Amino acid sequence: MSEIPDGLVEAQIRWNGEAGREFVAGLPARAARFLQQWELRRTGPLMHGMTALVLPVVRADGSAAALKLQRVDEESAGEPDALRAWGGQGAVRLLEHDGETGTLLLERLDERRHLSAVAERDAREAVRVIGELLARLTAVPAPAGLRGLGGMAAGMLDELPRALGRLADAGERRLLGDCAAALAEVAGEPGDRLLHWDLHYDNVLAGRREPWLAIDPKPLSGDPGFELLPAIVNNFRVREVRWRFDLLTEAAGLDGDRDRARAWTLGRVLQNCLWDVEDGEAGEERLGEEQVAVARELLGRPAP
């Protein structure tokens, strides 16, 4: 493995600085170590996202697998625990794990078939698949030790005054405050379900033993309502926000308390908006258009 994909290098340097450079520099040696240690043979081209490098491999018994090399951080640390808890039910199976480096050996799925291909021709079917996967994944109690939604929600509410002070637009300030008010109503009961946190179309692949399986969790302990936003903003269209929310809550079994799911979804919007403000240039901080549109629709205040 002589060449690391430029996209992975750029993402690691941008988000992780020197730690990202060290991670990238160590990838060839780490790949060689685990190919030998787990008796794997590489069988195809490298794959990558912003956080990990994946090698398609074959195990000694001839079965296909995927070797995932990643940095251990707050979001990835709980991935092996989540995959073990799910046990392949709705999610990719974990075959091996090295705790020191965070390296994973995973069941091989069909990387050529993402749910995003379905979404391009049938958005309702793709949203339904996400909702049904969420119903299965969030039926599992979160393992001990995962980061919790309660602390995350409290941190967002603490950050709100600073963010409001940086927003010049009065309408955006009101909208952000309303999202925070909705979150505050449910933050005292954050839930204890095992959340994927990042279940969008490209994190669902076709499997051999099941039609669709989730990959790349960034696990969290909390309320299932916090899981809906990625499928609402995938291939975003304002006119689809309400039916996507309705279909997701129905398919995920949350329609019995849609107000709670709405509040947690607005909390997720708040989280993204706080990031928008943090990343904005001084004096030019604005909220993302998609987040504003979702908030308006769920609050019943569509744009004029």
C-alpha atoms as a PDB file:
ATOM      1  CA  MET A   1       0.000   0.000   0.000  1.00  0.00           C
ATOM      2  CA  SER A   2       2.170   2.830  -1.280  1.00  0.00           C
ATOM      3  CA  GLU A   3      -0.406   5.567  -1.882  1.00  0.00           C
ATOM      4  CA  ILE A   4      -2.897   7.050   0.583  1.00  0.00           C
ATOM      5  CA  PRO A   5      -5.920   8.709  -1.097  1.00  0.00           C
ATOM      6  CA  ASP A   6      -5.598  12.505  -1.265  1.00  0.00           C
ATOM      7  CA  GLY A   7      -9.109  12.991   0.082  1.00  0.00           C
ATOM      8  CA  LEU A   8      -8.286  11.154   3.290  1.00  0.00           C
ATOM      9  CA  VAL A   9      -4.993  13.008   3.707  1.00  0.00           C
ATOM     10  CA  GLU A  10      -6.631  16.401   3.230  1.00  0.00           C
ATOM     11  CA  ALA A  11      -9.485  15.610   5.624  1.00  0.00           C
ATOM     12  CA  GLN A  12      -7.152  14.337   8.333  1.00  0.00           C
ATOM     13  CA  ILE A  13      -4.881  17.377   8.136  1.00  0.00           C
ATOM     14  CA  ARG A  14      -7.820  19.777   8.057  1.00  0.00           C
ATOM     15  CA  TRP A  15      -9.665  18.306  11.026  1.00  0.00           C
ATOM     16  CA  ASN A  16      -6.904  16.726  13.115  1.00  0.00           C
ATOM     17  CA  GLY A  17      -3.756  18.698  12.328  1.00  0.00           C
ATOM     18  CA  GLU A  18      -0.538  17.029  13.431  1.00  0.00           C
ATOM     19  CA  ALA A  19      -2.407  14.026  14.853  1.00  0.00           C
ATOM     20  CA  GLY A  20      -3.958  13.528  11.435  1.00  0.00           C
ATOM     21  CA  ARG A  21      -0.558  13.693   9.755  1.00  0.00           C
ATOM     22  CA  GLU A  22       0.780  11.074  12.145  1.00  0.00           C
ATOM     23  CA  PHE A  23      -2.225   8.837  11.493  1.00  0.00           C
ATOM     24  CA  VAL A  24      -1.770   9.049   7.724  1.00  0.00           C
ATOM     25  CA  ALA A  25       1.984   8.461   7.957  1.00  0.00           C
ATOM     26  CA  GLY A  26       1.434   5.313   9.999  1.00  0.00           C
ATOM     27  CA  LEU A  27      -1.211   3.765   7.758  1.00  0.00           C
ATOM     28  CA  PRO A  28       1.096   1.637   5.538  1.00  0.00           C
ATOM     29  CA  ALA A  29       2.777   0.002   8.541  1.00  0.00           C
ATOM     30  CA  ARG A  30      -0.528  -0.496  10.338  1.00  0.00           C
ATOM     31  CA  ALA A  31      -2.116  -2.096   7.284  1.00  0.00           C
ATOM     32  CA  ALA A  32       0.851  -4.439   6.868  1.00  0.00           C
ATOM     33  CA  ARG A  33       0.703  -5.386  10.567  1.00  0.00           C
ATOM     34  CA  PHE A  34      -2.944  -6.414  10.534  1.00  0.00           C
ATOM     35  CA  LEU A  35      -2.835  -8.099   7.151  1.00  0.00           C
ATOM     36  CA  GLN A  36      -0.216 -10.389   8.666  1.00  0.00           C
ATOM     37  CA  GLN A  37      -1.650 -10.648  12.196  1.00  0.00           C
ATOM     38  CA  TRP A  38      -5.158 -11.558  11.070  1.00  0.00           C
ATOM     39  CA  GLU A  39      -3.970 -13.614   8.066  1.00  0.00           C
ATOM     40  CA  LEU A  40      -5.616 -11.456   5.456  1.00  0.00           C
ATOM     41  CA  ARG A  41      -5.027 -11.066   1.738  1.00  0.00           C
ATOM     42  CA  ARG A  42      -5.919  -7.808   0.045  1.00  0.00           C
ATOM     43  CA  THR A  43      -8.264  -8.264  -2.911  1.00  0.00           C
ATOM     44  CA  GLY A  44      -9.095  -4.857  -4.356  1.00  0.00           C
ATOM     45  CA  PRO A  45      -8.576  -1.095  -4.404  1.00  0.00           C
ATOM     46  CA  LEU A  46      -8.547   1.058  -1.296  1.00  0.00           C
ATOM     47  CA  MET A  47     -11.722   2.742  -0.111  1.00  0.00           C
ATOM     48  CA  HIS A  48     -11.942   5.728   2.206  1.00  0.00           C
ATOM     49  CA  GLY A  49     -14.062   8.443   3.752  1.00  0.00           C
ATOM     50  CA  MET A  50     -12.909  11.420   5.805  1.00  0.00           C
ATOM     51  CA  THR A  51     -11.930   9.379   8.848  1.00  0.00           C
ATOM     52  CA  ALA A  52     -10.898   5.878   7.798  1.00  0.00           C
ATOM     53  CA  LEU A  53      -9.134   3.768   5.196  1.00  0.00           C
ATOM     54  CA  VAL A  54     -10.778   0.467   4.227  1.00  0.00           C
ATOM     55  CA  LEU A  55      -9.091  -2.451   2.475  1.00  0.00           C
ATOM     56  CA  PRO A  56     -11.136  -5.255   0.906  1.00  0.00           C
ATOM     57  CA  VAL A  57      -9.586  -8.527   2.061  1.00  0.00           C
ATOM     58  CA  VAL A  58     -10.042 -12.295   2.180  1.00  0.00           C
ATOM     59  CA  ARG A  59      -9.515 -14.223   5.429  1.00  0.00           C
ATOM     60  CA  ALA A  60      -7.602 -17.469   5.763  1.00  0.00           C
ATOM     61  CA  ASP A  61     -10.864 -19.435   5.505  1.00  0.00           C
ATOM     62  CA  GLY A  62     -11.673 -17.782   2.181  1.00  0.00           C
ATOM     63  CA  SER A  63     -14.415 -15.494   3.486  1.00  0.00           C
ATOM     64  CA  ALA A  64     -14.553 -11.867   2.355  1.00  0.00           C
ATOM     65  CA  ALA A  65     -14.033  -9.078   4.875  1.00  0.00           C
ATOM     66  CA  ALA A  66     -13.086  -5.405   5.146  1.00  0.00           C
ATOM     67  CA  LEU A  67     -10.113  -4.073   7.130  1.00  0.00           C
ATOM     68  CA  LYS A  68     -10.938  -0.633   8.566  1.00  0.00           C
ATOM     69  CA  LEU A  69      -8.064   1.570   9.753  1.00  0.00           C
ATOM     70  CA  GLN A  70      -9.055   4.689  11.686  1.00  0.00           C
ATOM     71  CA  ARG A  71      -8.030   7.086  14.429  1.00  0.00           C
ATOM     72  CA  VAL A  72      -9.622   6.542  17.818  1.00  0.00           C
ATOM     73  CA  ASP A  73     -11.483   9.673  18.903  1.00  0.00           C
ATOM     74  CA  GLU A  74     -14.643  10.536  20.822  1.00  0.00           C
ATOM     75  CA  GLU A  75     -16.896   9.541  17.944  1.00  0.00           C
ATOM     76  CA  SER A  76     -15.185   6.305  16.895  1.00  0.00           C
ATOM     77  CA  ALA A  77     -14.214   4.944  20.320  1.00  0.00           C
ATOM     78  CA  GLY A  78     -17.544   3.221  20.894  1.00  0.00           C
ATOM     79  CA  GLU A  79     -17.888   1.681  17.425  1.00  0.00           C
ATOM     80  CA  PRO A  80     -16.775  -1.863  18.354  1.00  0.00           C
ATOM     81  CA  ASP A  81     -19.012  -1.858  21.441  1.00  0.00           C
ATOM     82  CA  ALA A  82     -22.002  -0.794  19.349  1.00  0.00           C
ATOM     83  CA  LEU A  83     -21.349  -3.380  16.660  1.00  0.00           C
ATOM     84  CA  ARG A  84     -21.037  -6.125  19.264  1.00  0.00           C
ATOM     85  CA  ALA A  85     -24.282  -5.024  20.910  1.00  0.00           C
ATOM     86  CA  TRP A  86     -26.140  -5.115  17.600  1.00  0.00           C
ATOM     87  CA  GLY A  87     -24.629  -8.484  16.729  1.00  0.00           C
ATOM     88  CA  GLY A  88     -25.232  -8.057  13.025  1.00  0.00           C
ATOM     89  CA  GLN A  89     -28.934  -7.268  13.448  1.00  0.00           C
ATOM     90  CA  GLY A  90     -29.401  -4.314  11.133  1.00  0.00           C
ATOM     91  CA  ALA A  91     -25.689  -3.476  11.116  1.00  0.00           C
ATOM     92  CA  VAL A  92     -22.444  -4.821   9.702  1.00  0.00           C
ATOM     93  CA  ARG A  93     -20.856  -7.601  11.769  1.00  0.00           C
ATOM     94  CA  LEU A  94     -17.631  -7.055  13.689  1.00  0.00           C
ATOM     95  CA  LEU A  95     -15.168  -9.919  13.148  1.00  0.00           C
ATOM     96  CA  GLU A  96     -12.008  -8.666  14.912  1.00  0.00           C
ATOM     97  CA  HIS A  97     -10.994  -5.576  16.865  1.00  0.00           C
ATOM     98  CA  ASP A  98      -7.702  -4.174  18.127  1.00  0.00           C
ATOM     99  CA  GLY A  99      -8.357  -1.908  21.086  1.00  0.00           C
ATOM    100  CA  GLU A 100      -4.996  -0.146  21.022  1.00  0.00           C
ATOM    101  CA  THR A 101      -5.286   1.195  17.461  1.00  0.00           C
ATOM    102  CA  GLY A 102      -9.046   1.016  16.897  1.00  0.00           C
ATOM    103  CA  THR A 103      -8.524  -1.208  13.856  1.00  0.00           C
ATOM    104  CA  LEU A 104     -11.588  -3.241  12.867  1.00  0.00           C
ATOM    105  CA  LEU A 105     -12.145  -6.290  10.706  1.00  0.00           C
ATOM    106  CA  LEU A 106     -15.688  -6.202   9.401  1.00  0.00           C
ATOM    107  CA  GLU A 107     -18.071  -8.340   7.426  1.00  0.00           C
ATOM    108  CA  ARG A 108     -17.741  -7.488   3.728  1.00  0.00           C
ATOM    109  CA  LEU A 109     -20.775  -5.755   2.287  1.00  0.00           C
ATOM    110  CA  ASP A 110     -21.367  -4.626  -1.293  1.00  0.00           C
ATOM    111  CA  GLU A 111     -19.592  -1.271  -1.435  1.00  0.00           C
ATOM    112  CA  ARG A 112     -20.952  -0.727  -4.957  1.00  0.00           C
ATOM    113  CA  ARG A 113     -24.549  -0.579  -3.701  1.00  0.00           C
ATOM    114  CA  HIS A 114     -25.328   2.304  -1.344  1.00  0.00           C
ATOM    115  CA  LEU A 115     -28.852   3.215  -0.328  1.00  0.00           C
ATOM    116  CA  SER A 116     -28.187   6.568  -2.018  1.00  0.00           C
ATOM    117  CA  ALA A 117     -28.739   4.838  -5.390  1.00  0.00           C
ATOM    118  CA  VAL A 118     -32.251   3.886  -4.264  1.00  0.00           C
ATOM    119  CA  ALA A 119     -32.865   7.429  -3.015  1.00  0.00           C
ATOM    120  CA  GLU A 120     -32.171   8.863  -6.459  1.00  0.00           C
ATOM    121  CA  ARG A 121     -35.102   6.966  -7.963  1.00  0.00           C
ATOM    122  CA  ASP A 122     -37.387   6.500  -4.938  1.00  0.00           C
ATOM    123  CA  ALA A 123     -36.857   8.824  -1.977  1.00  0.00           C
ATOM    124  CA  ARG A 124     -39.761   7.347  -0.014  1.00  0.00           C
ATOM    125  CA  GLU A 125     -38.331   3.845  -0.205  1.00  0.00           C
ATOM    126  CA  ALA A 126     -34.910   5.045   0.945  1.00  0.00           C
ATOM    127  CA  VAL A 127     -36.416   6.949   3.887  1.00  0.00           C
ATOM    128  CA  ARG A 128     -38.499   3.897   4.803  1.00  0.00           C
ATOM    129  CA  VAL A 129     -35.369   1.701   4.829  1.00  0.00           C
ATOM    130  CA  ILE A 130     -33.611   4.155   7.149  1.00  0.00           C
ATOM    131  CA  GLY A 131     -36.611   4.247   9.479  1.00  0.00           C
ATOM    132  CA  GLU A 132     -36.867   0.477   9.676  1.00  0.00           C
ATOM    133  CA  LEU A 133     -33.150   0.144  10.377  1.00  0.00           C
ATOM    134  CA  LEU A 134     -33.452   2.753  13.125  1.00  0.00           C
ATOM    135  CA  ALA A 135     -36.303   0.801  14.698  1.00  0.00           C
ATOM    136  CA  ARG A 136     -34.043  -2.245  14.969  1.00  0.00           C
ATOM    137  CA  LEU A 137     -30.883  -0.443  16.025  1.00  0.00           C
ATOM    138  CA  THR A 138     -32.492   1.714  18.702  1.00  0.00           C
ATOM    139  CA  ALA A 139     -34.336  -1.268  20.195  1.00  0.00           C
ATOM    140  CA  VAL A 140     -30.977  -2.211  21.765  1.00  0.00           C
ATOM    141  CA  PRO A 141     -29.937  -0.642  25.097  1.00  0.00           C
ATOM    142  CA  ALA A 142     -26.716   1.326  24.887  1.00  0.00           C
ATOM    143  CA  PRO A 143     -23.673  -0.449  26.356  1.00  0.00           C
ATOM    144  CA  ALA A 144     -22.155   1.115  29.447  1.00  0.00           C
ATOM    145  CA  GLY A 145     -19.506   3.743  28.883  1.00  0.00           C
ATOM    146  CA  LEU A 146     -20.784   5.350  25.691  1.00  0.00           C
ATOM    147  CA  ARG A 147     -21.017   9.123  25.479  1.00  0.00           C
ATOM    148  CA  GLY A 148     -24.504  10.210  26.442  1.00  0.00           C
ATOM    149  CA  LEU A 149     -27.056  12.484  24.833  1.00  0.00           C
ATOM    150  CA  GLY A 150     -27.774  14.124  28.195  1.00  0.00           C
ATOM    151  CA  GLY A 151     -24.318  15.653  28.456  1.00  0.00           C
ATOM    152  CA  MET A 152     -24.376  16.601  24.797  1.00  0.00           C
ATOM    153  CA  ALA A 153     -27.730  18.379  25.151  1.00  0.00           C
ATOM    154  CA  ALA A 154     -26.563  20.246  28.244  1.00  0.00           C
ATOM    155  CA  GLY A 155     -23.457  21.388  26.395  1.00  0.00           C
ATOM    156  CA  MET A 156     -25.545  22.701  23.496  1.00  0.00           C
ATOM    157  CA  LEU A 157     -27.796  24.691  25.804  1.00  0.00           C
ATOM    158  CA  ASP A 158     -24.756  26.117  27.584  1.00  0.00           C
ATOM    159  CA  GLU A 159     -23.273  27.169  24.237  1.00  0.00           C
ATOM    160  CA  LEU A 160     -26.466  28.887  23.056  1.00  0.00           C
ATOM    161  CA  PRO A 161     -25.877  32.387  24.539  1.00  0.00           C
ATOM    162  CA  ARG A 162     -22.456  32.661  22.936  1.00  0.00           C
ATOM    163  CA  ALA A 163     -23.824  31.574  19.544  1.00  0.00           C
ATOM    164  CA  LEU A 164     -26.737  34.014  19.759  1.00  0.00           C
ATOM    165  CA  GLY A 165     -24.276  36.798  20.442  1.00  0.00           C
ATOM    166  CA  ARG A 166     -22.425  36.018  17.214  1.00  0.00           C
ATOM    167  CA  LEU A 167     -25.483  35.944  14.933  1.00  0.00           C
ATOM    168  CA  ALA A 168     -26.329  39.271  13.318  1.00  0.00           C
ATOM    169  CA  ASP A 169     -29.650  38.168  11.835  1.00  0.00           C
ATOM    170  CA  ALA A 170     -32.542  38.595  14.291  1.00  0.00           C
ATOM    171  CA  GLY A 171     -34.661  35.962  12.548  1.00  0.00           C
ATOM    172  CA  GLU A 172     -31.897  33.401  12.842  1.00  0.00           C
ATOM    173  CA  ARG A 173     -31.448  34.256  16.519  1.00  0.00           C
ATOM    174  CA  ARG A 174     -35.155  33.650  17.162  1.00  0.00           C
ATOM    175  CA  LEU A 175     -35.079  30.382  15.239  1.00  0.00           C
ATOM    176  CA  LEU A 176     -32.038  29.136  17.148  1.00  0.00           C
ATOM    177  CA  GLY A 177     -33.673  30.087  20.430  1.00  0.00           C
ATOM    178  CA  ASP A 178     -36.829  28.185  19.500  1.00  0.00           C
ATOM    179  CA  CYS A 179     -34.806  25.061  18.660  1.00  0.00           C
ATOM    180  CA  ALA A 180     -33.107  25.347  22.045  1.00  0.00           C
ATOM    181  CA  ALA A 181     -36.457  25.779  23.803  1.00  0.00           C
ATOM    182  CA  ALA A 182     -37.735  22.579  22.193  1.00  0.00           C
ATOM    183  CA  LEU A 183     -34.591  20.720  23.229  1.00  0.00           C
ATOM    184  CA  ALA A 184     -34.827  22.031  26.792  1.00  0.00           C
ATOM    185  CA  GLU A 185     -38.275  20.452  27.142  1.00  0.00           C
ATOM    186  CA  VAL A 186     -36.879  16.923  26.632  1.00  0.00           C
ATOM    187  CA  ALA A 187     -33.238  17.257  27.716  1.00  0.00           C
ATOM    188  CA  GLY A 188     -34.002  16.036  31.236  1.00  0.00           C
ATOM    189  CA  GLU A 189     -34.951  12.597  29.837  1.00  0.00           C
ATOM    190  CA  PRO A 190     -32.185  11.900  27.306  1.00  0.00           C
ATOM    191  CA  GLY A 191     -32.920   8.182  26.864  1.00  0.00           C
ATOM    192  CA  ASP A 192     -30.740   5.091  26.984  1.00  0.00           C
ATOM    193  CA  ARG A 193     -31.034   3.510  23.530  1.00  0.00           C
ATOM    194  CA  LEU A 194     -28.057   2.674  21.342  1.00  0.00           C
ATOM    195  CA  LEU A 195     -27.925   5.358  18.656  1.00  0.00           C
ATOM    196  CA  HIS A 196     -26.007   5.230  15.378  1.00  0.00           C
ATOM    197  CA  TRP A 197     -25.923   9.068  15.179  1.00  0.00           C
ATOM    198  CA  ASP A 198     -24.952   9.236  11.481  1.00  0.00           C
ATOM    199  CA  LEU A 199     -27.398   7.023   9.574  1.00  0.00           C
ATOM    200  CA  HIS A 200     -27.569   8.645   6.154  1.00  0.00           C
ATOM    201  CA  TYR A 201     -27.895   6.947   2.757  1.00  0.00           C
ATOM    202  CA  ASP A 202     -24.168   6.419   2.181  1.00  0.00           C
ATOM    203  CA  ASN A 203     -23.870   4.677   5.555  1.00  0.00           C
ATOM    204  CA  VAL A 204     -26.263   1.938   4.450  1.00  0.00           C
ATOM    205  CA  LEU A 205     -24.874  -0.785   2.175  1.00  0.00           C
ATOM    206  CA  ALA A 206     -26.406  -3.826   0.548  1.00  0.00           C
ATOM    207  CA  GLY A 207     -25.579  -7.061   2.332  1.00  0.00           C
ATOM    208  CA  ARG A 208     -25.589 -10.716   1.418  1.00  0.00           C
ATOM    209  CA  ARG A 209     -27.540 -11.974   4.437  1.00  0.00           C
ATOM    210  CA  GLU A 210     -29.859  -8.929   4.634  1.00  0.00           C
ATOM    211  CA  PRO A 211     -30.915  -6.436   1.943  1.00  0.00           C
ATOM    212  CA  TRP A 212     -29.508  -3.384   3.789  1.00  0.00           C
ATOM    213  CA  LEU A 213     -27.126  -2.964   6.723  1.00  0.00           C
ATOM    214  CA  ALA A 214     -25.817   0.082   8.574  1.00  0.00           C
ATOM    215  CA  ILE A 215     -22.102   0.901   8.699  1.00  0.00           C
ATOM    216  CA  ASP A 216     -19.854   3.503  10.365  1.00  0.00           C
ATOM    217  CA  PRO A 217     -21.753   4.234  13.590  1.00  0.00           C
ATOM    218  CA  LYS A 218     -20.615   7.067  15.821  1.00  0.00           C
ATOM    219  CA  PRO A 219     -22.480   5.618  18.784  1.00  0.00           C
ATOM    220  CA  LEU A 220     -24.303   7.484  21.453  1.00  0.00           C
ATOM    221  CA  SER A 221     -26.643   6.606  24.300  1.00  0.00           C
ATOM    222  CA  GLY A 222     -29.902   8.483  24.019  1.00  0.00           C
ATOM    223  CA  ASP A 223     -33.348   9.042  22.563  1.00  0.00           C
ATOM    224  CA  PRO A 224     -34.161   7.633  19.078  1.00  0.00           C
ATOM    225  CA  GLY A 225     -35.644  10.979  18.038  1.00  0.00           C
ATOM    226  CA  PHE A 226     -32.093  12.316  17.776  1.00  0.00           C
ATOM    227  CA  GLU A 227     -31.480   9.922  14.868  1.00  0.00           C
ATOM    228  CA  LEU A 228     -33.888  11.336  12.271  1.00  0.00           C
ATOM    229  CA  LEU A 229     -32.181  14.416  10.850  1.00  0.00           C
ATOM    230  CA  PRO A 230     -29.585  12.782   8.550  1.00  0.00           C
ATOM    231  CA  ALA A 231     -32.345  11.110   6.510  1.00  0.00           C
ATOM    232  CA  ILE A 232     -34.320  14.357   6.416  1.00  0.00           C
ATOM    233  CA  VAL A 233     -31.473  16.381   4.907  1.00  0.00           C
ATOM    234  CA  ASN A 234     -30.081  13.725   2.518  1.00  0.00           C
ATOM    235  CA  ASN A 235     -30.691  14.918  -1.066  1.00  0.00           C
ATOM    236  CA  PHE A 236     -32.429  17.849   0.573  1.00  0.00           C
ATOM    237  CA  ARG A 237     -35.732  19.269  -0.648  1.00  0.00           C
ATOM    238  CA  VAL A 238     -37.737  21.614   1.561  1.00  0.00           C
ATOM    239  CA  ARG A 239     -41.057  20.253   0.322  1.00  0.00           C
ATOM    240  CA  GLU A 240     -40.100  16.774   1.559  1.00  0.00           C
ATOM    241  CA  VAL A 241     -39.219  17.660   5.176  1.00  0.00           C
ATOM    242  CA  ARG A 242     -42.643  16.971   6.656  1.00  0.00           C
ATOM    243  CA  TRP A 243     -43.389  13.705   4.885  1.00  0.00           C
ATOM    244  CA  ARG A 244     -39.887  12.444   5.601  1.00  0.00           C
ATOM    245  CA  PHE A 245     -40.307  13.241   9.285  1.00  0.00           C
ATOM    246  CA  ASP A 246     -43.727  11.534   9.310  1.00  0.00           C
ATOM    247  CA  LEU A 247     -42.472   8.431   7.484  1.00  0.00           C
ATOM    248  CA  LEU A 248     -39.362   8.149   9.666  1.00  0.00           C
ATOM    249  CA  THR A 249     -41.326   8.391  12.906  1.00  0.00           C
ATOM    250  CA  GLU A 250     -43.789   5.778  11.671  1.00  0.00           C
ATOM    251  CA  ALA A 251     -41.159   3.334  10.385  1.00  0.00           C
ATOM    252  CA  ALA A 252     -38.960   3.776  13.464  1.00  0.00           C
ATOM    253  CA  GLY A 253     -41.893   3.242  15.825  1.00  0.00           C
ATOM    254  CA  LEU A 254     -41.823   6.808  17.168  1.00  0.00           C
ATOM    255  CA  ASP A 255     -45.220   7.967  15.925  1.00  0.00           C
ATOM    256  CA  GLY A 256     -46.701   7.396  19.389  1.00  0.00           C
ATOM    257  CA  ASP A 257     -44.795  10.450  20.642  1.00  0.00           C
ATOM    258  CA  ARG A 258     -44.112  12.573  17.582  1.00  0.00           C
ATOM    259  CA  ASP A 259     -43.787  15.738  19.683  1.00  0.00           C
ATOM    260  CA  ARG A 260     -40.814  14.209  21.488  1.00  0.00           C
ATOM    261  CA  ALA A 261     -39.233  13.079  18.220  1.00  0.00           C
ATOM    262  CA  ARG A 262     -39.775  16.576  16.826  1.00  0.00           C
ATOM    263  CA  ALA A 263     -38.086  18.148  19.864  1.00  0.00           C
ATOM    264  CA  TRP A 264     -35.031  15.906  19.585  1.00  0.00           C
ATOM    265  CA  THR A 265     -34.839  16.557  15.841  1.00  0.00           C
ATOM    266  CA  LEU A 266     -34.848  20.287  16.539  1.00  0.00           C
ATOM    267  CA  GLY A 267     -32.087  19.578  19.062  1.00  0.00           C
ATOM    268  CA  ARG A 268     -30.076  17.971  16.272  1.00  0.00           C
ATOM    269  CA  VAL A 269     -30.718  21.052  14.120  1.00  0.00           C
ATOM    270  CA  LEU A 270     -29.444  23.157  17.022  1.00  0.00           C
ATOM    271  CA  GLN A 271     -26.267  21.077  17.178  1.00  0.00           C
ATOM    272  CA  ASN A 272     -25.577  21.625  13.479  1.00  0.00           C
ATOM    273  CA  CYS A 273     -26.347  25.333  13.748  1.00  0.00           C
ATOM    274  CA  LEU A 274     -23.938  25.749  16.653  1.00  0.00           C
ATOM    275  CA  TRP A 275     -21.261  24.176  14.482  1.00  0.00           C
ATOM    276  CA  ASP A 276     -22.158  26.575  11.644  1.00  0.00           C
ATOM    277  CA  VAL A 277     -21.674  29.543  13.963  1.00  0.00           C
ATOM    278  CA  GLU A 278     -18.421  28.160  15.356  1.00  0.00           C
ATOM    279  CA  ASP A 279     -16.997  27.603  11.869  1.00  0.00           C
ATOM    280  CA  GLY A 280     -18.132  30.977  10.479  1.00  0.00           C
ATOM    281  CA  GLU A 281     -15.814  33.874   9.821  1.00  0.00           C
ATOM    282  CA  ALA A 282     -15.967  36.601  12.456  1.00  0.00           C
ATOM    283  CA  GLY A 283     -18.754  39.023  11.603  1.00  0.00           C
ATOM    284  CA  GLU A 284     -20.170  36.729   8.914  1.00  0.00           C
ATOM    285  CA  GLU A 285     -21.708  33.943  10.995  1.00  0.00           C
ATOM    286  CA  ARG A 286     -24.891  32.559   9.441  1.00  0.00           C
ATOM    287  CA  LEU A 287     -26.910  29.378   9.876  1.00  0.00           C
ATOM    288  CA  GLY A 288     -26.915  26.738   7.155  1.00  0.00           C
ATOM    289  CA  GLU A 289     -29.840  27.065   4.748  1.00  0.00           C
ATOM    290  CA  GLU A 290     -30.866  23.426   5.128  1.00  0.00           C
ATOM    291  CA  GLN A 291     -30.920  23.644   8.917  1.00  0.00           C
ATOM    292  CA  VAL A 292     -33.008  26.819   8.810  1.00  0.00           C
ATOM    293  CA  ALA A 293     -35.473  25.223   6.404  1.00  0.00           C
ATOM    294  CA  VAL A 294     -35.874  22.084   8.549  1.00  0.00           C
ATOM    295  CA  ALA A 295     -36.369  24.150  11.701  1.00  0.00           C
ATOM    296  CA  ARG A 296     -38.999  26.319  10.017  1.00  0.00           C
ATOM    297  CA  GLU A 297     -40.909  23.314   8.724  1.00  0.00           C
ATOM    298  CA  LEU A 298     -40.900  21.447  12.054  1.00  0.00           C
ATOM    299  CA  LEU A 299     -41.815  24.595  13.945  1.00  0.00           C
ATOM    300  CA  GLY A 300     -44.660  25.293  11.521  1.00  0.00           C
ATOM    301  CA  ARG A 301     -43.112  28.492  10.175  1.00  0.00           C
ATOM    302  CA  PRO A 302     -42.342  27.920   6.500  1.00  0.00           C
ATOM    303  CA  ALA A 303     -40.412  30.685   4.791  1.00  0.00           C
ATOM    304  CA  PRO A 304     -42.556  33.363   3.110  1.00  0.00           C
END
